Protein backbone atom coordinates (compact mmCIF):
# COMPACT_ATOMS: atom_id res chain seq x y z
CA UNK A 1 40.19 2.78 19.78
CA UNK A 2 37.18 0.58 19.72
CA UNK A 3 33.79 2.31 19.34
CA UNK A 4 31.27 1.85 22.10
CA UNK A 5 28.61 -0.70 21.31
CA UNK A 6 25.70 1.88 21.63
CA UNK A 7 27.33 4.20 19.28
CA UNK A 8 27.79 1.40 16.78
CA UNK A 9 24.00 0.45 17.16
CA UNK A 10 22.89 4.13 16.80
CA UNK A 11 25.13 4.85 13.80
CA UNK A 12 24.32 1.57 12.14
CA UNK A 13 20.63 1.99 12.64
CA UNK A 14 20.65 5.60 11.32
CA UNK A 15 22.77 4.53 8.34
CA UNK A 16 20.36 1.70 7.44
CA UNK A 17 17.26 3.91 8.08
CA UNK A 18 18.83 6.57 5.90
CA UNK A 19 19.53 3.95 3.15
CA UNK A 20 15.87 2.61 3.50
CA UNK A 21 14.54 6.26 3.39
CA UNK A 22 16.58 6.84 0.13
CA UNK A 23 15.35 3.56 -1.36
CA UNK A 24 11.69 4.43 -0.43
CA UNK A 25 12.20 7.91 -1.78
CA UNK A 26 13.52 6.43 -5.11
CA UNK A 27 10.63 4.17 -5.29
CA UNK A 28 8.17 6.89 -4.74
CA UNK A 29 9.76 9.04 -7.45
CA UNK A 30 9.92 6.08 -9.85
CA UNK A 31 6.22 5.16 -9.38
CA UNK A 32 5.01 8.76 -9.32
CA UNK A 33 6.64 9.63 -12.56
CA UNK A 34 5.89 6.33 -14.46
CA UNK A 35 2.35 5.78 -13.05
CA UNK A 36 1.17 9.44 -13.01
CA UNK A 37 -0.75 11.05 -9.99
CA UNK A 38 -3.98 9.06 -10.48
CA UNK A 39 -2.55 5.59 -10.90
CA UNK A 40 -0.02 6.29 -8.12
CA UNK A 41 -2.96 7.40 -6.02
CA UNK A 42 -4.66 4.07 -6.58
CA UNK A 43 -1.43 2.09 -5.83
CA UNK A 44 -0.92 4.21 -2.63
CA UNK A 45 -4.50 3.64 -1.57
CA UNK A 46 -4.49 -0.02 -2.13
CA UNK A 47 -1.13 -0.46 -0.31
CA UNK A 48 -2.54 1.48 2.65
CA UNK A 49 -5.37 -1.05 2.77
CA UNK A 50 -2.85 -3.87 2.77
CA UNK A 51 -0.96 -2.24 5.56
CA UNK A 52 -4.10 -1.79 7.49
CA UNK A 53 -4.77 -5.53 7.20
CA UNK A 54 -1.31 -6.19 8.65
CA UNK A 55 -2.03 -4.10 11.86
CA UNK A 56 -3.05 -7.18 13.96
CA UNK A 57 0.19 -8.87 13.46
CA UNK A 58 2.73 -5.98 12.76
CA UNK A 59 1.74 -3.63 15.58
CA UNK A 60 1.05 -5.94 18.52
CA UNK A 61 3.56 -8.74 18.51
CA UNK A 62 6.86 -6.91 17.53
CA UNK A 63 6.96 -4.52 20.55
CA UNK A 64 5.73 -7.42 22.86
CA UNK A 65 8.58 -9.58 21.47
CA UNK A 66 11.27 -6.79 22.02
CA UNK A 67 9.99 -6.20 25.60
CA UNK A 68 9.94 -9.83 26.69
CA UNK A 69 13.07 -10.82 24.89
CA UNK A 70 14.99 -8.10 27.00
CA UNK A 71 13.34 -9.44 30.19
CA UNK A 72 13.84 -13.08 29.59
CA UNK A 73 17.47 -12.60 28.50
CA UNK A 74 18.30 -10.65 31.63
CA UNK A 75 16.66 -13.28 33.81
CA UNK A 76 18.04 -16.21 31.72
CA UNK A 77 14.62 -17.73 31.04
CA UNK A 78 15.59 -19.22 27.76
CA UNK A 79 12.82 -21.80 27.52
CA UNK A 80 10.20 -19.01 27.82
CA UNK A 81 12.19 -17.13 25.12
CA UNK A 82 11.95 -19.99 22.69
CA UNK A 83 8.24 -20.41 23.45
CA UNK A 84 7.72 -16.61 22.89
CA UNK A 85 9.28 -16.91 19.44
CA UNK A 86 7.28 -20.01 18.50
CA UNK A 87 3.94 -18.63 19.71
CA UNK A 88 4.52 -15.25 17.90
CA UNK A 89 5.33 -16.87 14.56
CA UNK A 90 2.49 -19.34 14.65
CA UNK A 91 -0.14 -16.80 15.86
CA UNK A 92 0.95 -14.08 13.41
CA UNK A 93 0.78 -16.57 10.54
CA UNK A 94 -2.64 -17.77 11.45
CA UNK A 95 -4.11 -14.29 11.96
CA UNK A 96 -2.59 -12.98 8.71
CA UNK A 97 -3.86 -15.92 6.57
CA UNK A 98 -7.38 -15.31 7.96
CA UNK A 99 -7.27 -11.65 6.99
CA UNK A 100 -5.80 -12.46 3.63
CA UNK A 101 -8.67 -14.92 3.01
CA UNK A 102 -11.33 -12.31 4.01
CA UNK A 103 -9.78 -9.69 1.91
CA UNK A 104 -9.66 -11.96 -1.12
CA UNK A 105 -13.31 -12.87 -0.72
CA UNK A 106 -14.33 -9.28 -0.42
CA UNK A 107 -12.40 -8.30 -3.50
CA UNK A 108 -13.99 -11.37 -5.37
CA UNK A 109 -17.55 -10.03 -4.73
CA UNK A 110 -16.75 -6.33 -5.22
CA UNK A 111 -14.08 -5.02 -7.65
CA UNK A 112 -12.47 -8.28 -8.53
CA UNK A 113 -9.13 -6.44 -9.37
CA UNK A 114 -6.16 -8.66 -10.21
CA UNK A 115 -3.69 -6.18 -8.54
CA UNK A 116 -5.56 -6.44 -5.34
CA UNK A 117 -5.40 -10.23 -5.20
CA UNK A 118 -1.57 -9.98 -5.65
CA UNK A 119 -1.33 -7.32 -3.04
CA UNK A 120 -3.38 -9.23 -0.49
CA UNK A 121 -0.92 -12.20 -0.84
CA UNK A 122 1.69 -9.97 0.80
CA UNK A 123 -0.13 -9.99 4.08
CA UNK A 124 1.22 -13.30 5.68
CA UNK A 125 4.76 -12.59 4.38
CA UNK A 126 4.71 -9.12 5.90
CA UNK A 127 3.53 -10.54 9.19
CA UNK A 128 6.34 -13.03 9.45
CA UNK A 129 8.86 -10.39 8.50
CA UNK A 130 7.63 -8.15 11.33
CA UNK A 131 8.13 -11.07 13.89
CA UNK A 132 11.56 -11.97 12.55
CA UNK A 133 12.83 -8.22 12.70
CA UNK A 134 11.44 -7.97 16.35
CA UNK A 135 13.26 -11.16 17.43
CA UNK A 136 16.51 -9.84 16.10
CA UNK A 137 15.92 -6.31 17.53
CA UNK A 138 15.10 -7.89 20.97
CA UNK A 139 18.32 -9.80 20.77
CA UNK A 140 20.07 -6.39 20.12
CA UNK A 141 21.03 -7.46 16.57
CA UNK A 142 19.75 -4.13 15.44
CA UNK A 143 21.57 -3.96 12.03
CA UNK A 144 20.63 -7.46 10.91
CA UNK A 145 16.92 -6.82 11.91
CA UNK A 146 16.71 -3.99 9.39
CA UNK A 147 18.81 -5.11 6.40
CA UNK A 148 16.12 -7.29 4.74
CA UNK A 149 13.37 -4.56 4.93
CA UNK A 150 15.54 -1.46 4.53
CA UNK A 151 18.03 -2.57 1.92
CA UNK A 152 17.30 -5.86 0.22
CA UNK A 153 13.55 -5.29 -0.30
CA UNK A 154 13.59 -1.81 -1.85
CA UNK A 155 16.86 -2.39 -3.78
CA UNK A 156 15.36 -5.58 -5.49
CA UNK A 157 12.13 -3.82 -6.27
CA UNK A 158 13.91 -0.84 -7.87
CA UNK A 159 16.04 -3.14 -10.03
CA UNK A 160 13.17 -5.41 -11.06
CA UNK A 161 10.83 -2.35 -11.84
CA UNK A 162 13.51 -0.55 -13.83
CA UNK A 163 14.48 -3.56 -15.80
CA UNK A 164 10.86 -4.34 -16.67
CA UNK A 165 10.17 -0.59 -17.50
CA UNK A 166 13.24 -0.58 -19.85
CA UNK A 167 12.55 -3.87 -21.74
CA UNK A 168 8.73 -3.34 -21.88
CA UNK A 169 7.25 -2.13 -25.19
CA UNK A 170 4.70 0.00 -23.37
CA UNK A 171 5.31 3.38 -21.72
CA UNK A 172 3.07 2.45 -18.87
CA UNK A 173 3.31 -0.38 -16.38
CA UNK A 174 0.02 -1.83 -15.18
CA UNK A 175 -0.92 -1.94 -11.51
CA UNK A 176 -0.93 -5.75 -11.61
CA UNK A 177 2.63 -5.84 -12.72
CA UNK A 178 3.72 -3.23 -10.18
CA UNK A 179 2.20 -5.28 -7.34
CA UNK A 180 3.78 -8.45 -8.90
CA UNK A 181 7.24 -7.01 -8.74
CA UNK A 182 6.56 -5.77 -5.22
CA UNK A 183 5.58 -9.33 -4.13
CA UNK A 184 8.71 -10.89 -5.76
CA UNK A 185 10.95 -8.31 -3.99
CA UNK A 186 9.26 -9.11 -0.60
CA UNK A 187 9.72 -12.83 -1.00
CA UNK A 188 13.51 -12.37 -1.82
CA UNK A 189 13.95 -10.15 1.26
CA UNK A 190 11.93 -12.63 3.36
CA UNK A 191 14.30 -15.47 2.34
CA UNK A 192 17.40 -13.46 3.34
CA UNK A 193 15.76 -12.39 6.66
CA UNK A 194 14.99 -15.96 7.46
CA UNK A 195 18.71 -16.95 6.93
CA UNK A 196 19.75 -14.10 9.24
CA UNK A 197 17.36 -15.24 11.88
CA UNK A 198 18.62 -18.88 11.99
CA UNK A 199 22.07 -17.84 11.90
CA UNK A 200 21.86 -15.34 14.85
CA UNK A 201 19.52 -17.03 17.28
CA UNK A 202 21.15 -18.11 20.49
CA UNK A 203 22.39 -21.68 20.01
CA UNK A 204 21.26 -22.57 23.58
CA UNK A 205 17.68 -22.39 22.36
CA UNK A 206 18.00 -25.28 19.92
CA UNK A 207 17.67 -28.24 22.35
CA UNK A 208 15.39 -26.50 24.93
CA UNK A 209 11.79 -27.48 25.37
CA UNK A 210 9.61 -24.48 24.87
CA UNK A 211 7.70 -22.89 27.80
CA UNK A 212 4.73 -20.57 27.39
CA UNK A 213 3.09 -17.62 29.06
CA UNK A 214 0.41 -17.25 26.45
CA UNK A 215 -2.09 -15.26 28.56
CA UNK A 216 0.53 -12.83 29.65
CA UNK A 217 1.84 -12.31 26.18
CA UNK A 218 -1.61 -11.76 24.78
CA UNK A 219 -2.54 -9.45 27.55
CA UNK A 220 0.59 -7.31 26.79
CA UNK A 221 0.28 -7.53 23.01
CA UNK A 222 -3.38 -6.38 22.87
CA UNK A 223 -2.77 -2.81 24.16
CA UNK A 224 0.40 -2.60 21.96
CA UNK A 225 -1.67 -3.77 18.96
CA UNK A 226 -4.30 -0.92 19.74
CA UNK A 227 -1.42 1.61 20.07
CA UNK A 228 0.37 0.56 16.90
CA UNK A 229 -2.90 0.17 14.95
CA UNK A 230 -4.20 3.53 16.03
CA UNK A 231 -0.76 5.21 15.33
CA UNK A 232 -0.95 3.78 11.87
CA UNK A 233 -4.48 4.91 11.40
CA UNK A 234 -3.53 8.30 12.54
CA UNK A 235 -0.72 8.38 9.97
CA UNK A 236 -2.94 7.13 7.07
CA UNK A 237 -6.40 8.30 8.04
CA UNK A 238 -5.86 11.49 6.06
CA UNK A 239 -4.88 9.47 2.87
CA UNK A 240 -7.85 7.17 3.22
CA UNK A 241 -10.41 10.06 3.69
CA UNK A 242 -8.96 12.07 0.73
CA UNK A 243 -9.68 9.00 -1.33
CA UNK A 244 -13.17 8.84 -0.01
CA UNK A 245 -13.98 12.57 -0.06
CA UNK A 246 -11.96 13.88 -2.94
CA UNK A 247 -10.05 11.95 -5.72
CA UNK A 248 -7.31 9.48 -6.50
CA UNK A 249 -5.31 12.24 -8.14
CA UNK A 250 -5.15 14.11 -4.79
CA UNK A 251 -4.39 10.82 -3.09
CA UNK A 252 -1.30 10.59 -5.43
CA UNK A 253 -0.17 14.11 -4.67
CA UNK A 254 -0.77 13.74 -0.93
CA UNK A 255 1.13 10.46 -0.82
CA UNK A 256 4.18 12.25 -2.28
CA UNK A 257 3.73 15.03 0.40
CA UNK A 258 3.60 12.45 3.30
CA UNK A 259 6.63 10.64 1.92
CA UNK A 260 8.67 14.01 2.29
CA UNK A 261 7.30 14.78 5.69
CA UNK A 262 8.26 11.30 6.94
CA UNK A 263 11.93 12.09 6.13
CA UNK A 264 11.90 14.53 8.99
CA UNK A 265 11.28 11.85 11.64
CA UNK A 266 13.34 9.10 10.21
CA UNK A 267 15.67 9.55 13.18
CA UNK A 268 12.75 8.82 15.54
CA UNK A 269 11.94 5.43 14.06
CA UNK A 270 15.66 4.57 13.74
CA UNK A 271 16.48 5.43 17.42
CA UNK A 272 13.30 3.72 18.57
CA UNK A 273 14.74 0.39 17.37
CA UNK A 274 18.07 1.05 19.21
CA UNK A 275 16.69 2.35 22.47
CA UNK A 276 13.51 0.22 22.94
CA UNK A 277 15.55 -2.70 24.43
CA UNK A 278 17.46 -0.09 26.65
CA UNK A 279 14.33 1.41 27.97
CA UNK A 280 12.92 -2.08 28.89
CA UNK A 281 16.26 -3.13 30.44
CA UNK A 282 16.75 -0.07 32.62
CA UNK A 283 13.05 -0.11 33.81
CA UNK A 284 13.44 -3.79 34.68
CA UNK A 285 16.68 -3.03 36.63
CA UNK A 286 15.00 -0.05 38.31
CA UNK A 287 17.86 2.20 37.13
CA UNK A 288 16.00 5.55 36.75
CA UNK A 289 19.22 7.60 36.01
CA UNK A 290 20.22 5.46 33.02
CA UNK A 291 16.59 5.50 31.90
CA UNK A 292 16.53 9.33 31.92
CA UNK A 293 19.84 9.60 30.20
CA UNK A 294 19.04 7.09 27.52
CA UNK A 295 15.70 8.94 26.74
CA UNK A 296 17.50 12.31 26.69
CA UNK A 297 20.17 11.02 24.40
CA UNK A 298 17.80 9.65 21.94
CA UNK A 299 15.59 12.86 21.97
CA UNK A 300 18.64 15.10 21.28
CA UNK A 301 19.83 13.06 18.37
CA UNK A 302 16.27 12.82 16.94
CA UNK A 303 15.81 16.69 17.13
CA UNK A 304 19.29 17.41 15.52
CA UNK A 305 18.27 15.17 12.66
CA UNK A 306 14.80 16.61 12.18
CA UNK A 307 15.40 20.33 12.37
CA UNK A 308 17.42 20.95 9.09
CA UNK A 309 15.12 18.69 7.11
CA UNK A 310 11.97 20.29 8.36
CA UNK A 311 13.29 23.79 7.66
CA UNK A 312 13.90 22.83 4.07
CA UNK A 313 10.46 21.68 3.55
CA UNK A 314 8.79 24.47 5.40
CA UNK A 315 10.43 27.19 3.20
CA UNK A 316 11.11 25.42 -0.09
CA UNK A 317 8.70 22.45 -0.07
CA UNK A 318 6.90 23.31 -3.36
CA UNK A 319 10.21 23.75 -5.25
CA UNK A 320 11.51 20.47 -3.89
CA UNK A 321 8.38 18.60 -4.96
CA UNK A 322 8.38 20.15 -8.48
CA UNK A 323 12.12 19.48 -9.08
CA UNK A 324 11.90 15.83 -7.91
CA UNK A 325 8.35 14.75 -8.93
CA UNK A 326 7.31 17.14 -11.57
CA UNK A 327 4.93 19.86 -12.02
CA UNK A 328 1.81 17.62 -11.53
CA UNK A 329 2.67 17.51 -7.79
CA UNK A 330 3.14 21.26 -7.29
CA UNK A 331 -0.10 21.52 -5.49
CA UNK A 332 1.45 19.75 -2.45
CA UNK A 333 3.64 22.61 -1.42
CA UNK A 334 1.47 24.23 1.30
CA UNK A 335 0.55 20.70 2.71
CA UNK A 336 4.20 19.57 3.02
CA UNK A 337 4.90 22.79 4.98
CA UNK A 338 2.12 22.24 7.37
CA UNK A 339 3.05 18.54 7.96
CA UNK A 340 6.66 19.53 8.42
CA UNK A 341 5.76 21.86 11.27
CA UNK A 342 3.85 19.01 12.92
CA UNK A 343 6.66 16.49 12.45
CA UNK A 344 9.24 18.87 13.81
CA UNK A 345 7.15 19.34 17.00
CA UNK A 346 6.76 15.60 17.11
CA UNK A 347 10.54 15.13 16.99
CA UNK A 348 11.04 17.52 19.90
CA UNK A 349 9.30 15.27 22.30
CA UNK A 350 11.40 12.29 21.40
CA UNK A 351 10.30 8.65 21.86
CA UNK A 352 7.66 9.27 24.57
CA UNK A 353 5.21 6.75 23.34
CA UNK A 354 7.84 3.93 22.88
CA UNK A 355 9.08 4.75 26.39
CA UNK A 356 5.66 4.14 27.90
CA UNK A 357 5.20 0.94 25.97
CA UNK A 358 8.62 -0.49 27.05
CA UNK A 359 7.84 0.34 30.68
CA UNK A 360 4.44 -1.33 31.05
CA UNK A 361 2.24 1.61 30.41
CA UNK A 362 0.84 0.52 27.03
CA UNK A 363 -2.76 0.85 28.07
CA UNK A 364 -2.36 4.58 28.88
CA UNK A 365 -0.36 4.99 25.61
CA UNK A 366 -3.34 3.20 23.76
CA UNK A 367 -5.90 5.69 25.38
CA UNK A 368 -4.09 8.69 24.35
CA UNK A 369 -3.54 7.51 20.89
CA UNK A 370 -7.17 6.65 20.67
CA UNK A 371 -8.19 10.15 21.67
CA UNK A 372 -5.74 11.61 19.12
CA UNK A 373 -7.24 9.34 16.48
CA UNK A 374 -10.79 10.54 17.26
CA UNK A 375 -9.48 14.11 17.04
CA UNK A 376 -7.74 13.29 13.84
CA UNK A 377 -10.87 11.77 12.32
CA UNK A 378 -13.29 14.71 13.29
CA UNK A 379 -10.75 17.37 12.04
CA UNK A 380 -10.08 15.57 8.71
CA UNK A 381 -13.90 15.09 8.01
CA UNK A 382 -14.38 18.79 8.73
CA UNK A 383 -11.38 20.23 6.84
CA UNK A 384 -10.86 17.91 3.82
CA UNK A 385 -14.03 18.95 1.99
CA UNK A 386 -13.22 22.72 2.24
CA UNK A 387 -9.31 22.65 2.18
CA UNK A 388 -8.37 19.42 0.30
CA UNK A 389 -5.05 18.08 1.08
CA UNK A 390 -4.14 21.16 3.03
CA UNK A 391 -6.98 20.39 5.49
CA UNK A 392 -5.74 16.85 5.75
CA UNK A 393 -2.17 18.08 6.54
CA UNK A 394 -3.63 20.52 9.17
CA UNK A 395 -5.75 17.86 10.88
CA UNK A 396 -2.92 15.31 11.09
CA UNK A 397 -0.42 17.87 12.53
CA UNK A 398 -2.84 19.15 15.22
CA UNK A 399 -3.64 15.58 16.40
CA UNK A 400 -0.08 14.80 16.41
CA UNK A 401 0.69 17.69 18.59
CA UNK A 402 -2.13 16.86 21.01
CA UNK A 403 -1.02 13.21 21.57
CA UNK A 404 2.69 14.26 22.24
CA UNK A 405 1.73 16.84 24.83
CA UNK A 406 -0.38 14.37 26.75
CA UNK A 407 2.18 11.59 26.43
CA UNK A 408 4.95 13.82 27.58
CA UNK A 409 2.96 14.62 30.69
CA UNK A 410 2.29 10.89 31.40
CA UNK A 411 6.00 10.17 31.06
CA UNK A 412 6.80 12.71 33.63
CA UNK A 413 4.13 11.68 35.94
CA UNK A 414 4.35 7.90 35.75
CA UNK A 415 8.23 7.40 35.25
CA UNK A 416 9.61 10.66 36.51
CA UNK A 417 11.45 11.06 33.27
CA UNK A 418 11.70 14.59 31.98
CA UNK A 419 10.50 14.56 28.28
CA UNK A 420 12.90 17.24 27.17
CA UNK A 421 16.23 17.39 25.33
CA UNK A 422 17.64 19.57 28.19
CA UNK A 423 17.37 17.08 31.04
CA UNK A 424 19.96 14.32 31.76
CA UNK A 425 23.48 13.51 30.80
CA UNK A 426 24.94 11.93 27.64
CA UNK A 427 24.25 8.24 27.73
CA UNK A 428 27.12 5.70 27.09
CA UNK A 429 27.04 1.84 27.07
């Protein structure tokens, strides 16, 4: 019996996300053990800065592309579809090159570190990768949208790093070499992703003349940019503030802790990719029953995945960290338990934020995330000096719970969708 298309998308996305998660986990173990907590902290801190610089391109355009791809495909507006892809690629490239240039100048007049120059060169490539992935996701090519980033990139990096470590005479790998190998892996995955894109784009777009709705796209992308940017800052603000208020050693330990806690909600990000086009589609068709059932199905799957993982980290977090990363990271046991509670509550609400974005309420979503970011900032500044990484974990978890409660209320009021795993029937496509 042929499996339903939705089940294939869900299972494929979860498998790819799990593979990506395992690869990311292996990379964190590899770097944490070979670099040590302090150098791993520097690496994590610099990479957080790089990711912040990709916020303007990686958090506004992707969701906008997915949303309008679904709308234009339903209405057969293929010329606008081609224009959307052209505009997104060109604008993302220009913005990312500008940010890279500014970052390079700042580094030249401040620390002048070689590894930062290498890291900053990733910015435009990461921007184009995000656009490519969003285009394929919007076309419901969910599996191919993730293969370059979730499989090829980490696998190539692990192989390159391991080979260099084995053949190198030194027991330590420099940060410059680490970032160089990271850049090479990114370039290889970008090439494969570009091949996938050209193979899977609808053939009917080739000979069409592009049409544009630039003002409309920008107007939509800006709130999505604010939401994505603030959500990232919410997720990385604690790490940045630990670096400013404490030490790089504690940054290294906390990075390991956050990697563990992120495992809990891997189902949320995997299901967002699958269901985002569905949310947009059923909202466009004014099909409230299918919208409710799609949301309920995604929420149920997310919670079922998150609960057992969170339970392990809450009760045996310290033992897990020591057995995997070594005794240098034992101090993260309490922090990972606190973050696990926060992430478990986060998973219970399902994809409330993504639902608002895909149904035209991105401005409301931005306001809520902005409020949560402010709460997170205040709590981190108050708690980190006294409680260290445990204070950072507590601040992040509390702000996460606050924004989920508010977003759940808005989903119910604006869309009449019940943000609960108990409302709605199983969704099939």
